[in-house]
Amino acid sequence: MPAAGTSYVRNRKYQIDDRHRSGDVRLAIELWEAVMPGVSWKRAWSGRKSDGLVHQRAREVVRPTGGIVRGKFPSRKTGRMVHYEGLLELDAIYLFETSPLVESYGEQPSTILYPDGGRLRRYTPDFILKLRGGCQVLIEIKPSRSLLQAEIRHKFEQISAFFARQGTVFLILTEQEIRLEPRLANLKWLYHQAPPTIANPTKNRMAVWQLAALFPMTAHQATSACSPLGTDPYSLLMAGYLTCDLSQAVIYDTQLELNLESEHVWFCIAQRLGF
């Protein structure tokens, strides 16, 4: 792949948009995947900016209107600042960051044209997730009250039918899936205990192998045990090697256990889709 410069990324973005407009969603996703490795980084923060290229969103907000809270999230998983529009999107990002089954994700990946009666309408998904194993899922974040409106419900019925014809997995997440408490508060707490960059996967595996006989132990004890091995229990939780009870408030005295599940699943975002 050529050096990932700004002009290269912009040209690839146009190709992605063209593929979506022509209805070729699968190829558009493949093109998105080809661009993403060049526009993400895996190193340390440098002041307020990452030392990699900025992700190119399909839809830019030119004039922010209304009361929507917009911002950027310093992502450990993608190695860059992730844009969000609304606090529900921000909460969803915490799920994406802490789920061991979400390998990577990006916001507003590309815009499609979908049929609605005799018209073509534009739509940009909020996120695309790449799951462990290679499956991609397009995500819309929507308050459940919005889906009660006939116009909004009709819109997403048409969008869902379009993606189904393309063989693309599309999912609407509402606050009912995202804001499960105390799960969400616990995942936020765990995320902010972890270092800002992801620990070396080899170090994680070696730490689990060397410390296996010591579990279960508290988060505080695990921090002391993991530190000499170059990792931490919070990174191990988010990598799926450890688990804890998310139905109770998670604190430093919370018991952590080895996760013996073959897929390292310790919570699900959308259980009906297996992740």
C-alpha atoms as a PDB file:
ATOM      1  CA  MET A   1       0.000   0.000   0.000  1.00  0.00           C
ATOM      2  CA  PRO A   2       1.382   3.490  -0.816  1.00  0.00           C
ATOM      3  CA  ALA A   3       2.441   5.847   1.978  1.00  0.00           C
ATOM      4  CA  ALA A   4      -0.728   7.031   3.655  1.00  0.00           C
ATOM      5  CA  GLY A   5      -0.655  10.724   2.891  1.00  0.00           C
ATOM      6  CA  THR A   6      -3.575  13.116   3.066  1.00  0.00           C
ATOM      7  CA  SER A   7      -4.207  13.103  -0.718  1.00  0.00           C
ATOM      8  CA  TYR A   8      -4.102   9.297  -0.821  1.00  0.00           C
ATOM      9  CA  VAL A   9      -6.632   9.023   2.002  1.00  0.00           C
ATOM     10  CA  ARG A  10      -8.871  11.609   0.345  1.00  0.00           C
ATOM     11  CA  ASN A  11      -8.810   9.744  -2.982  1.00  0.00           C
ATOM     12  CA  ARG A  12      -9.601   6.428  -1.279  1.00  0.00           C
ATOM     13  CA  LYS A  13     -12.449   8.118   0.589  1.00  0.00           C
ATOM     14  CA  TYR A  14     -13.931   9.226  -2.758  1.00  0.00           C
ATOM     15  CA  GLN A  15     -13.686   5.634  -4.001  1.00  0.00           C
ATOM     16  CA  ILE A  16     -15.535   4.425  -0.911  1.00  0.00           C
ATOM     17  CA  ASP A  17     -18.300   6.989  -1.375  1.00  0.00           C
ATOM     18  CA  ASP A  18     -18.601   6.076  -5.077  1.00  0.00           C
ATOM     19  CA  ARG A  19     -18.957   2.386  -4.222  1.00  0.00           C
ATOM     20  CA  HIS A  20     -21.675   3.166  -1.704  1.00  0.00           C
ATOM     21  CA  ARG A  21     -23.579   5.354  -4.130  1.00  0.00           C
ATOM     22  CA  SER A  22     -23.519   2.535  -6.640  1.00  0.00           C
ATOM     23  CA  GLY A  23     -24.890   0.162  -4.004  1.00  0.00           C
ATOM     24  CA  ASP A  24     -21.690  -1.907  -3.647  1.00  0.00           C
ATOM     25  CA  VAL A  25     -21.570  -1.842   0.149  1.00  0.00           C
ATOM     26  CA  ARG A  26     -19.282  -4.840   0.540  1.00  0.00           C
ATOM     27  CA  LEU A  27     -16.525  -3.369  -1.628  1.00  0.00           C
ATOM     28  CA  ALA A  28     -16.906  -0.018   0.113  1.00  0.00           C
ATOM     29  CA  ILE A  29     -16.222  -1.723   3.447  1.00  0.00           C
ATOM     30  CA  GLU A  30     -13.178  -3.460   1.960  1.00  0.00           C
ATOM     31  CA  LEU A  31     -11.848  -0.118   0.756  1.00  0.00           C
ATOM     32  CA  TRP A  32     -12.486   1.386   4.213  1.00  0.00           C
ATOM     33  CA  GLU A  33     -10.436  -1.417   5.775  1.00  0.00           C
ATOM     34  CA  ALA A  34      -7.604  -0.747   3.329  1.00  0.00           C
ATOM     35  CA  VAL A  35      -7.489   2.920   4.332  1.00  0.00           C
ATOM     36  CA  MET A  36      -7.826   2.463   8.101  1.00  0.00           C
ATOM     37  CA  PRO A  37      -4.416   0.858   8.806  1.00  0.00           C
ATOM     38  CA  GLY A  38      -2.765   3.899   7.275  1.00  0.00           C
ATOM     39  CA  VAL A  39      -4.759   6.483   9.195  1.00  0.00           C
ATOM     40  CA  SER A  40      -4.570   4.949  12.660  1.00  0.00           C
ATOM     41  CA  TRP A  41      -1.585   4.809  14.971  1.00  0.00           C
ATOM     42  CA  LYS A  42      -0.465   2.486  17.762  1.00  0.00           C
ATOM     43  CA  ARG A  43       2.094   4.617  19.550  1.00  0.00           C
ATOM     44  CA  ALA A  44       2.020   7.207  22.335  1.00  0.00           C
ATOM     45  CA  TRP A  45       0.204  10.520  22.553  1.00  0.00           C
ATOM     46  CA  SER A  46       2.228  13.575  21.549  1.00  0.00           C
ATOM     47  CA  GLY A  47       0.828  16.522  23.450  1.00  0.00           C
ATOM     48  CA  ARG A  48      -2.779  17.044  22.451  1.00  0.00           C
ATOM     49  CA  LYS A  49      -2.432  15.264  19.105  1.00  0.00           C
ATOM     50  CA  SER A  50      -1.619  11.745  18.015  1.00  0.00           C
ATOM     51  CA  ASP A  51       1.438  11.213  15.874  1.00  0.00           C
ATOM     52  CA  GLY A  52      -0.632   9.656  13.085  1.00  0.00           C
ATOM     53  CA  LEU A  53      -2.991  10.891  10.387  1.00  0.00           C
ATOM     54  CA  VAL A  54      -6.492  12.114  11.142  1.00  0.00           C
ATOM     55  CA  HIS A  55      -9.361   9.742  10.296  1.00  0.00           C
ATOM     56  CA  GLN A  56     -11.444  11.009   7.385  1.00  0.00           C
ATOM     57  CA  ARG A  57     -15.156  10.974   8.213  1.00  0.00           C
ATOM     58  CA  ALA A  58     -17.732  10.652   5.457  1.00  0.00           C
ATOM     59  CA  ARG A  59     -19.857  13.437   6.927  1.00  0.00           C
ATOM     60  CA  GLU A  60     -18.379  16.577   8.457  1.00  0.00           C
ATOM     61  CA  VAL A  61     -20.416  18.901  10.662  1.00  0.00           C
ATOM     62  CA  VAL A  62     -20.089  22.324   9.030  1.00  0.00           C
ATOM     63  CA  ARG A  63     -22.420  24.305  11.272  1.00  0.00           C
ATOM     64  CA  PRO A  64     -23.254  22.615  14.577  1.00  0.00           C
ATOM     65  CA  THR A  65     -26.869  23.283  15.476  1.00  0.00           C
ATOM     66  CA  GLY A  66     -29.245  22.305  18.240  1.00  0.00           C
ATOM     67  CA  GLY A  67     -28.296  21.006  21.674  1.00  0.00           C
ATOM     68  CA  ILE A  68     -26.202  18.001  20.570  1.00  0.00           C
ATOM     69  CA  VAL A  69     -22.971  17.624  22.524  1.00  0.00           C
ATOM     70  CA  ARG A  70     -20.107  16.981  20.117  1.00  0.00           C
ATOM     71  CA  GLY A  71     -16.557  16.101  20.980  1.00  0.00           C
ATOM     72  CA  LYS A  72     -13.534  13.841  20.516  1.00  0.00           C
ATOM     73  CA  PHE A  73     -12.650  10.744  22.508  1.00  0.00           C
ATOM     74  CA  PRO A  74      -9.002   9.675  23.048  1.00  0.00           C
ATOM     75  CA  SER A  75      -9.287   6.068  21.928  1.00  0.00           C
ATOM     76  CA  ARG A  76      -6.883   3.373  23.139  1.00  0.00           C
ATOM     77  CA  LYS A  77      -8.226   0.863  20.640  1.00  0.00           C
ATOM     78  CA  THR A  78      -7.950   2.927  17.450  1.00  0.00           C
ATOM     79  CA  GLY A  79      -4.994   5.034  18.526  1.00  0.00           C
ATOM     80  CA  ARG A  80      -6.589   8.345  17.598  1.00  0.00           C
ATOM     81  CA  MET A  81      -9.222  10.894  18.555  1.00  0.00           C
ATOM     82  CA  VAL A  82     -12.687   9.518  17.714  1.00  0.00           C
ATOM     83  CA  HIS A  83     -15.453  12.028  16.952  1.00  0.00           C
ATOM     84  CA  TYR A  84     -18.846  11.600  18.575  1.00  0.00           C
ATOM     85  CA  GLU A  85     -22.133  13.454  18.187  1.00  0.00           C
ATOM     86  CA  GLY A  86     -24.251  13.237  21.316  1.00  0.00           C
ATOM     87  CA  LEU A  87     -23.706  11.721  24.747  1.00  0.00           C
ATOM     88  CA  LEU A  88     -25.326   8.435  23.717  1.00  0.00           C
ATOM     89  CA  GLU A  89     -22.620   7.979  21.065  1.00  0.00           C
ATOM     90  CA  LEU A  90     -19.992   8.749  23.694  1.00  0.00           C
ATOM     91  CA  ASP A  91     -21.425   6.066  25.972  1.00  0.00           C
ATOM     92  CA  ALA A  92     -21.445   3.606  23.069  1.00  0.00           C
ATOM     93  CA  ILE A  93     -17.758   4.289  22.472  1.00  0.00           C
ATOM     94  CA  TYR A  94     -16.987   3.009  25.974  1.00  0.00           C
ATOM     95  CA  LEU A  95     -18.639  -0.293  25.026  1.00  0.00           C
ATOM     96  CA  PHE A  96     -16.608  -0.524  21.817  1.00  0.00           C
ATOM     97  CA  GLU A  97     -13.387   0.286  23.666  1.00  0.00           C
ATOM     98  CA  THR A  98     -13.853  -2.273  26.444  1.00  0.00           C
ATOM     99  CA  SER A  99     -15.333  -5.196  24.480  1.00  0.00           C
ATOM    100  CA  PRO A 100     -12.696  -7.843  23.674  1.00  0.00           C
ATOM    101  CA  LEU A 101     -14.764  -8.863  20.635  1.00  0.00           C
ATOM    102  CA  VAL A 102     -14.540  -5.424  18.965  1.00  0.00           C
ATOM    103  CA  GLU A 103     -11.156  -5.423  17.270  1.00  0.00           C
ATOM    104  CA  SER A 104     -11.424  -1.909  15.825  1.00  0.00           C
ATOM    105  CA  TYR A 105     -14.030   0.683  14.929  1.00  0.00           C
ATOM    106  CA  GLY A 106     -14.492   3.976  13.135  1.00  0.00           C
ATOM    107  CA  GLU A 107     -17.057   6.738  13.104  1.00  0.00           C
ATOM    108  CA  GLN A 108     -19.147   7.771  10.065  1.00  0.00           C
ATOM    109  CA  PRO A 109     -17.288   5.415   7.698  1.00  0.00           C
ATOM    110  CA  SER A 110     -19.067   6.308   4.435  1.00  0.00           C
ATOM    111  CA  THR A 111     -22.328   7.542   2.937  1.00  0.00           C
ATOM    112  CA  ILE A 112     -24.778   5.411   0.969  1.00  0.00           C
ATOM    113  CA  LEU A 113     -27.799   6.079  -1.202  1.00  0.00           C
ATOM    114  CA  TYR A 114     -30.746   3.842  -0.351  1.00  0.00           C
ATOM    115  CA  PRO A 115     -34.096   3.574  -2.172  1.00  0.00           C
ATOM    116  CA  ASP A 116     -37.223   4.931  -0.522  1.00  0.00           C
ATOM    117  CA  GLY A 117     -40.176   4.543  -2.854  1.00  0.00           C
ATOM    118  CA  GLY A 118     -39.260   6.396  -6.011  1.00  0.00           C
ATOM    119  CA  ARG A 119     -36.429   8.385  -4.420  1.00  0.00           C
ATOM    120  CA  LEU A 120     -32.827   7.815  -3.392  1.00  0.00           C
ATOM    121  CA  ARG A 121     -31.873   9.146   0.028  1.00  0.00           C
ATOM    122  CA  ARG A 122     -28.506   9.612   1.691  1.00  0.00           C
ATOM    123  CA  TYR A 123     -27.501   7.896   4.905  1.00  0.00           C
ATOM    124  CA  THR A 124     -24.267   7.753   6.908  1.00  0.00           C
ATOM    125  CA  PRO A 125     -23.955   5.129   9.667  1.00  0.00           C
ATOM    126  CA  ASP A 126     -22.644   6.364  12.990  1.00  0.00           C
ATOM    127  CA  PHE A 127     -19.994   3.647  13.336  1.00  0.00           C
ATOM    128  CA  ILE A 128     -18.521   0.583  11.715  1.00  0.00           C
ATOM    129  CA  LEU A 129     -17.192  -2.182  13.967  1.00  0.00           C
ATOM    130  CA  LYS A 130     -14.708  -4.824  12.944  1.00  0.00           C
ATOM    131  CA  LEU A 131     -15.228  -7.832  15.193  1.00  0.00           C
ATOM    132  CA  ARG A 132     -12.743 -10.498  16.124  1.00  0.00           C
ATOM    133  CA  GLY A 133     -12.950 -13.035  13.332  1.00  0.00           C
ATOM    134  CA  GLY A 134     -13.349 -10.395  10.620  1.00  0.00           C
ATOM    135  CA  CYS A 135     -17.102  -9.672  10.637  1.00  0.00           C
ATOM    136  CA  GLN A 136     -18.128  -6.016  10.138  1.00  0.00           C
ATOM    137  CA  VAL A 137     -21.200  -4.402  11.660  1.00  0.00           C
ATOM    138  CA  LEU A 138     -22.632  -1.007  10.732  1.00  0.00           C
ATOM    139  CA  ILE A 139     -24.062   0.788  13.764  1.00  0.00           C
ATOM    140  CA  GLU A 140     -26.694   3.489  14.198  1.00  0.00           C
ATOM    141  CA  ILE A 141     -26.987   5.083  17.641  1.00  0.00           C
ATOM    142  CA  LYS A 142     -30.527   6.299  18.324  1.00  0.00           C
ATOM    143  CA  PRO A 143     -32.613   7.141  21.400  1.00  0.00           C
ATOM    144  CA  SER A 144     -35.533   4.732  21.646  1.00  0.00           C
ATOM    145  CA  ARG A 145     -38.005   7.632  21.774  1.00  0.00           C
ATOM    146  CA  SER A 146     -36.920   8.655  18.255  1.00  0.00           C
ATOM    147  CA  LEU A 147     -37.851   5.230  16.906  1.00  0.00           C
ATOM    148  CA  LEU A 148     -41.435   5.793  18.091  1.00  0.00           C
ATOM    149  CA  GLN A 149     -41.856   8.470  15.408  1.00  0.00           C
ATOM    150  CA  ALA A 150     -43.442   7.016  12.270  1.00  0.00           C
ATOM    151  CA  GLU A 151     -41.133   8.944   9.915  1.00  0.00           C
ATOM    152  CA  ILE A 152     -37.951   7.816  11.692  1.00  0.00           C
ATOM    153  CA  ARG A 153     -39.209   4.240  11.967  1.00  0.00           C
ATOM    154  CA  HIS A 154     -39.991   4.174   8.238  1.00  0.00           C
ATOM    155  CA  LYS A 155     -36.538   5.558   7.402  1.00  0.00           C
ATOM    156  CA  PHE A 156     -34.698   2.818   9.271  1.00  0.00           C
ATOM    157  CA  GLU A 157     -36.982   0.110   7.958  1.00  0.00           C
ATOM    158  CA  GLN A 158     -35.890   1.131   4.454  1.00  0.00           C
ATOM    159  CA  ILE A 159     -32.219   1.348   5.469  1.00  0.00           C
ATOM    160  CA  SER A 160     -32.335  -2.033   7.216  1.00  0.00           C
ATOM    161  CA  ALA A 161     -33.966  -3.632   4.159  1.00  0.00           C
ATOM    162  CA  PHE A 162     -31.303  -2.115   1.886  1.00  0.00           C
ATOM    163  CA  PHE A 163     -28.438  -3.491   3.976  1.00  0.00           C
ATOM    164  CA  ALA A 164     -30.148  -6.873   4.268  1.00  0.00           C
ATOM    165  CA  ARG A 165     -30.261  -7.117   0.461  1.00  0.00           C
ATOM    166  CA  GLN A 166     -26.549  -6.284   0.383  1.00  0.00           C
ATOM    167  CA  GLY A 167     -25.726  -8.946   2.994  1.00  0.00           C
ATOM    168  CA  THR A 168     -24.392  -6.249   5.336  1.00  0.00           C
ATOM    169  CA  VAL A 169     -24.958  -6.509   9.084  1.00  0.00           C
ATOM    170  CA  PHE A 170     -26.704  -3.370  10.353  1.00  0.00           C
ATOM    171  CA  LEU A 171     -27.700  -2.738  13.955  1.00  0.00           C
ATOM    172  CA  ILE A 172     -29.504   0.065  15.782  1.00  0.00           C
ATOM    173  CA  LEU A 173     -28.343   0.532  19.369  1.00  0.00           C
ATOM    174  CA  THR A 174     -30.496   2.531  21.786  1.00  0.00           C
ATOM    175  CA  GLU A 175     -29.969   3.566  25.388  1.00  0.00           C
ATOM    176  CA  GLN A 176     -31.646   0.313  26.385  1.00  0.00           C
ATOM    177  CA  GLU A 177     -28.584  -1.638  25.197  1.00  0.00           C
ATOM    178  CA  ILE A 178     -25.958   1.044  25.824  1.00  0.00           C
ATOM    179  CA  ARG A 179     -26.896   2.440  29.225  1.00  0.00           C
ATOM    180  CA  LEU A 180     -27.337  -0.735  31.225  1.00  0.00           C
ATOM    181  CA  GLU A 181     -26.340   0.101  34.788  1.00  0.00           C
ATOM    182  CA  PRO A 182     -24.193  -0.513  36.684  1.00  0.00           C
ATOM    183  CA  ARG A 183     -22.480  -2.102  33.674  1.00  0.00           C
ATOM    184  CA  LEU A 184     -21.829   1.161  31.820  1.00  0.00           C
ATOM    185  CA  ALA A 185     -20.501   2.975  34.901  1.00  0.00           C
ATOM    186  CA  ASN A 186     -18.245   0.010  35.655  1.00  0.00           C
ATOM    187  CA  LEU A 187     -16.845  -0.116  32.112  1.00  0.00           C
ATOM    188  CA  LYS A 188     -16.145   3.616  32.201  1.00  0.00           C
ATOM    189  CA  TRP A 189     -14.322   3.234  35.511  1.00  0.00           C
ATOM    190  CA  LEU A 190     -12.268   0.306  34.226  1.00  0.00           C
ATOM    191  CA  TYR A 191     -11.394   2.155  31.011  1.00  0.00           C
ATOM    192  CA  HIS A 192     -10.050   5.163  32.897  1.00  0.00           C
ATOM    193  CA  GLN A 193      -7.935   2.998  35.203  1.00  0.00           C
ATOM    194  CA  ALA A 194      -6.025   1.599  32.218  1.00  0.00           C
ATOM    195  CA  PRO A 195      -2.994   3.365  30.704  1.00  0.00           C
ATOM    196  CA  PRO A 196      -3.665   5.533  27.621  1.00  0.00           C
ATOM    197  CA  THR A 197      -2.027   3.080  25.230  1.00  0.00           C
ATOM    198  CA  ILE A 198      -2.655  -0.648  24.818  1.00  0.00           C
ATOM    199  CA  ALA A 199      -0.161  -3.000  26.423  1.00  0.00           C
ATOM    200  CA  ASN A 200       1.867  -5.330  24.226  1.00  0.00           C
ATOM    201  CA  PRO A 201      -0.294  -8.420  23.487  1.00  0.00           C
ATOM    202  CA  THR A 202       2.652 -10.746  24.079  1.00  0.00           C
ATOM    203  CA  LYS A 203       3.231  -9.211  27.511  1.00  0.00           C
ATOM    204  CA  ASN A 204      -0.462  -9.686  28.286  1.00  0.00           C
ATOM    205  CA  ARG A 205      -0.373 -13.370  27.380  1.00  0.00           C
ATOM    206  CA  MET A 206       2.841 -13.962  29.324  1.00  0.00           C
ATOM    207  CA  ALA A 207       1.440 -12.162  32.372  1.00  0.00           C
ATOM    208  CA  VAL A 208      -1.705 -14.299  32.372  1.00  0.00           C
ATOM    209  CA  TRP A 209       0.405 -17.474  32.054  1.00  0.00           C
ATOM    210  CA  GLN A 210       2.723 -16.488  34.914  1.00  0.00           C
ATOM    211  CA  LEU A 211      -0.009 -15.228  37.258  1.00  0.00           C
ATOM    212  CA  ALA A 212      -2.710 -17.819  36.530  1.00  0.00           C
ATOM    213  CA  ALA A 213      -2.242 -19.646  39.834  1.00  0.00           C
ATOM    214  CA  LEU A 214      -2.767 -16.426  41.845  1.00  0.00           C
ATOM    215  CA  PHE A 215      -6.297 -15.717  40.622  1.00  0.00           C
ATOM    216  CA  PRO A 216      -8.846 -14.865  41.848  1.00  0.00           C
ATOM    217  CA  MET A 217      -7.483 -11.717  43.467  1.00  0.00           C
ATOM    218  CA  THR A 218      -8.610  -8.127  43.885  1.00  0.00           C
ATOM    219  CA  ALA A 219      -7.994  -5.420  41.304  1.00  0.00           C
ATOM    220  CA  HIS A 220      -5.585  -3.773  43.744  1.00  0.00           C
ATOM    221  CA  GLN A 221      -3.613  -6.993  44.242  1.00  0.00           C
ATOM    222  CA  ALA A 222      -3.611  -7.671  40.500  1.00  0.00           C
ATOM    223  CA  THR A 223      -2.199  -4.195  39.819  1.00  0.00           C
ATOM    224  CA  SER A 224       0.796  -4.943  42.049  1.00  0.00           C
ATOM    225  CA  ALA A 225       1.250  -8.390  40.520  1.00  0.00           C
ATOM    226  CA  CYS A 226       1.011  -7.207  36.897  1.00  0.00           C
ATOM    227  CA  SER A 227       3.223  -4.126  37.168  1.00  0.00           C
ATOM    228  CA  PRO A 228       6.617  -5.955  37.119  1.00  0.00           C
ATOM    229  CA  LEU A 229       5.415  -7.829  34.013  1.00  0.00           C
ATOM    230  CA  GLY A 230       4.741  -4.653  32.025  1.00  0.00           C
ATOM    231  CA  THR A 231       0.951  -4.760  32.027  1.00  0.00           C
ATOM    232  CA  ASP A 232      -2.060  -4.072  34.249  1.00  0.00           C
ATOM    233  CA  PRO A 233      -5.305  -5.869  35.181  1.00  0.00           C
ATOM    234  CA  TYR A 234      -7.513  -3.327  33.398  1.00  0.00           C
ATOM    235  CA  SER A 235      -5.801  -3.965  30.072  1.00  0.00           C
ATOM    236  CA  LEU A 236      -6.182  -7.711  30.712  1.00  0.00           C
ATOM    237  CA  LEU A 237      -9.890  -7.219  31.379  1.00  0.00           C
ATOM    238  CA  MET A 238     -10.381  -5.320  28.127  1.00  0.00           C
ATOM    239  CA  ALA A 239      -8.356  -7.934  26.249  1.00  0.00           C
ATOM    240  CA  GLY A 240     -10.693 -10.620  27.619  1.00  0.00           C
ATOM    241  CA  TYR A 241      -8.153 -12.501  29.748  1.00  0.00           C
ATOM    242  CA  LEU A 242      -9.844 -11.550  33.025  1.00  0.00           C
ATOM    243  CA  THR A 243     -13.433 -11.057  34.091  1.00  0.00           C
ATOM    244  CA  CYS A 244     -15.353  -9.529  36.974  1.00  0.00           C
ATOM    245  CA  ASP A 245     -18.957  -9.102  38.073  1.00  0.00           C
ATOM    246  CA  LEU A 246     -20.372  -6.086  36.230  1.00  0.00           C
ATOM    247  CA  SER A 247     -23.710  -6.341  38.038  1.00  0.00           C
ATOM    248  CA  GLN A 248     -22.079  -4.882  41.158  1.00  0.00           C
ATOM    249  CA  ALA A 249     -20.086  -1.685  41.565  1.00  0.00           C
ATOM    250  CA  VAL A 250     -16.499  -2.358  40.486  1.00  0.00           C
ATOM    251  CA  ILE A 251     -13.857  -0.974  42.874  1.00  0.00           C
ATOM    252  CA  TYR A 252     -10.246  -1.725  43.771  1.00  0.00           C
ATOM    253  CA  ASP A 253     -11.412  -4.534  46.080  1.00  0.00           C
ATOM    254  CA  THR A 254     -13.438  -6.228  43.309  1.00  0.00           C
ATOM    255  CA  GLN A 255     -12.427  -9.837  42.709  1.00  0.00           C
ATOM    256  CA  LEU A 256     -10.937 -10.555  39.286  1.00  0.00           C
ATOM    257  CA  GLU A 257     -10.928 -14.049  37.836  1.00  0.00           C
ATOM    258  CA  LEU A 258      -9.344 -15.716  34.851  1.00  0.00           C
ATOM    259  CA  ASN A 259     -11.686 -15.756  31.877  1.00  0.00           C
ATOM    260  CA  LEU A 260     -11.838 -19.346  30.698  1.00  0.00           C
ATOM    261  CA  GLU A 261     -14.348 -18.682  27.898  1.00  0.00           C
ATOM    262  CA  SER A 262     -12.892 -19.666  24.525  1.00  0.00           C
ATOM    263  CA  GLU A 263     -13.985 -16.376  22.899  1.00  0.00           C
ATOM    264  CA  HIS A 264     -12.990 -14.214  25.890  1.00  0.00           C
ATOM    265  CA  VAL A 265     -16.557 -12.918  26.202  1.00  0.00           C
ATOM    266  CA  TRP A 266     -17.329 -11.272  29.528  1.00  0.00           C
ATOM    267  CA  PHE A 267     -20.119  -8.943  28.410  1.00  0.00           C
ATOM    268  CA  CYS A 268     -22.182  -8.526  25.242  1.00  0.00           C
ATOM    269  CA  ILE A 269     -23.174  -5.339  23.469  1.00  0.00           C
ATOM    270  CA  ALA A 270     -25.722  -7.092  21.241  1.00  0.00           C
ATOM    271  CA  GLN A 271     -26.214 -10.646  22.438  1.00  0.00           C
ATOM    272  CA  ARG A 272     -28.506 -11.531  19.555  1.00  0.00           C
ATOM    273  CA  LEU A 273     -25.572 -10.963  17.180  1.00  0.00           C
ATOM    274  CA  GLY A 274     -23.047 -12.692  19.415  1.00  0.00           C
ATOM    275  CA  PHE A 275     -20.868  -9.756  20.421  1.00  0.00           C
END
